[in-house]
Amino acid sequence: MLTGVPLGTVKTRMFTAIQRLRALLTDQLGPDTLITETGTARGDQ
């Protein structure tokens, strides 16, 4: 590892950060907007 941090720790921190970001965005934009934006970004629609 470049930073000396174990891979499991990095994955856990990333997962936690994404969950927190999702919660913050849901509070700001509303759940329907977040789902629509995610679907559009992936090309699912």
C-alpha atoms as a PDB file:
ATOM      1  CA  MET A   1       0.000   0.000   0.000  1.00  0.00           C
ATOM      2  CA  LEU A   2       1.189   3.478  -0.799  1.00  0.00           C
ATOM      3  CA  THR A   3      -0.293   5.007   2.329  1.00  0.00           C
ATOM      4  CA  GLY A   4       0.180   2.060   4.664  1.00  0.00           C
ATOM      5  CA  VAL A   5      -3.579   1.841   5.289  1.00  0.00           C
ATOM      6  CA  PRO A   6      -5.067  -1.653   4.948  1.00  0.00           C
ATOM      7  CA  LEU A   7      -7.420  -2.197   1.997  1.00  0.00           C
ATOM      8  CA  GLY A   8     -10.310  -3.174   4.290  1.00  0.00           C
ATOM      9  CA  THR A   9      -9.992   0.132   6.134  1.00  0.00           C
ATOM     10  CA  VAL A  10     -10.073   2.075   2.870  1.00  0.00           C
ATOM     11  CA  LYS A  11     -13.172   0.193   1.703  1.00  0.00           C
ATOM     12  CA  THR A  12     -14.942   0.772   5.020  1.00  0.00           C
ATOM     13  CA  ARG A  13     -14.147   4.476   4.974  1.00  0.00           C
ATOM     14  CA  MET A  14     -15.320   4.793   1.363  1.00  0.00           C
ATOM     15  CA  PHE A  15     -18.565   2.962   2.101  1.00  0.00           C
ATOM     16  CA  THR A  16     -19.231   5.158   5.134  1.00  0.00           C
ATOM     17  CA  ALA A  17     -18.463   8.333   3.167  1.00  0.00           C
ATOM     18  CA  ILE A  18     -20.805   7.341   0.326  1.00  0.00           C
ATOM     19  CA  GLN A  19     -23.598   6.538   2.789  1.00  0.00           C
ATOM     20  CA  ARG A  20     -23.162   9.911   4.520  1.00  0.00           C
ATOM     21  CA  LEU A  21     -23.079  11.754   1.195  1.00  0.00           C
ATOM     22  CA  ARG A  22     -26.212   9.932   0.025  1.00  0.00           C
ATOM     23  CA  ALA A  23     -28.010  10.891   3.252  1.00  0.00           C
ATOM     24  CA  LEU A  24     -26.968  14.542   2.926  1.00  0.00           C
ATOM     25  CA  LEU A  25     -28.028  14.719  -0.718  1.00  0.00           C
ATOM     26  CA  THR A  26     -31.334  13.035   0.035  1.00  0.00           C
ATOM     27  CA  ASP A  27     -32.012  15.649   2.728  1.00  0.00           C
ATOM     28  CA  GLN A  28     -31.156  18.491   0.342  1.00  0.00           C
ATOM     29  CA  LEU A  29     -32.678  17.235  -2.910  1.00  0.00           C
ATOM     30  CA  GLY A  30     -35.283  14.708  -1.854  1.00  0.00           C
ATOM     31  CA  PRO A  31     -35.203  10.961  -2.474  1.00  0.00           C
ATOM     32  CA  ASP A  32     -36.907  11.082  -5.897  1.00  0.00           C
ATOM     33  CA  THR A  33     -34.401  13.568  -7.306  1.00  0.00           C
ATOM     34  CA  LEU A  34     -31.418  11.526  -6.155  1.00  0.00           C
ATOM     35  CA  ILE A  35     -32.790   8.347  -7.741  1.00  0.00           C
ATOM     36  CA  THR A  36     -33.566  10.163 -11.001  1.00  0.00           C
ATOM     37  CA  GLU A  37     -30.112  11.748 -11.174  1.00  0.00           C
ATOM     38  CA  THR A  38     -28.398   8.427 -10.428  1.00  0.00           C
ATOM     39  CA  GLY A  39     -30.416   6.607 -13.075  1.00  0.00           C
ATOM     40  CA  THR A  40     -29.705   9.291 -15.649  1.00  0.00           C
ATOM     41  CA  ALA A  41     -25.985   9.322 -14.885  1.00  0.00           C
ATOM     42  CA  ARG A  42     -25.788   5.561 -15.389  1.00  0.00           C
ATOM     43  CA  GLY A  43     -27.909   5.646 -18.529  1.00  0.00           C
ATOM     44  CA  ASP A  44     -30.570   3.356 -17.054  1.00  0.00           C
ATOM     45  CA  GLN A  45     -33.461   5.434 -18.323  1.00  0.00           C
END
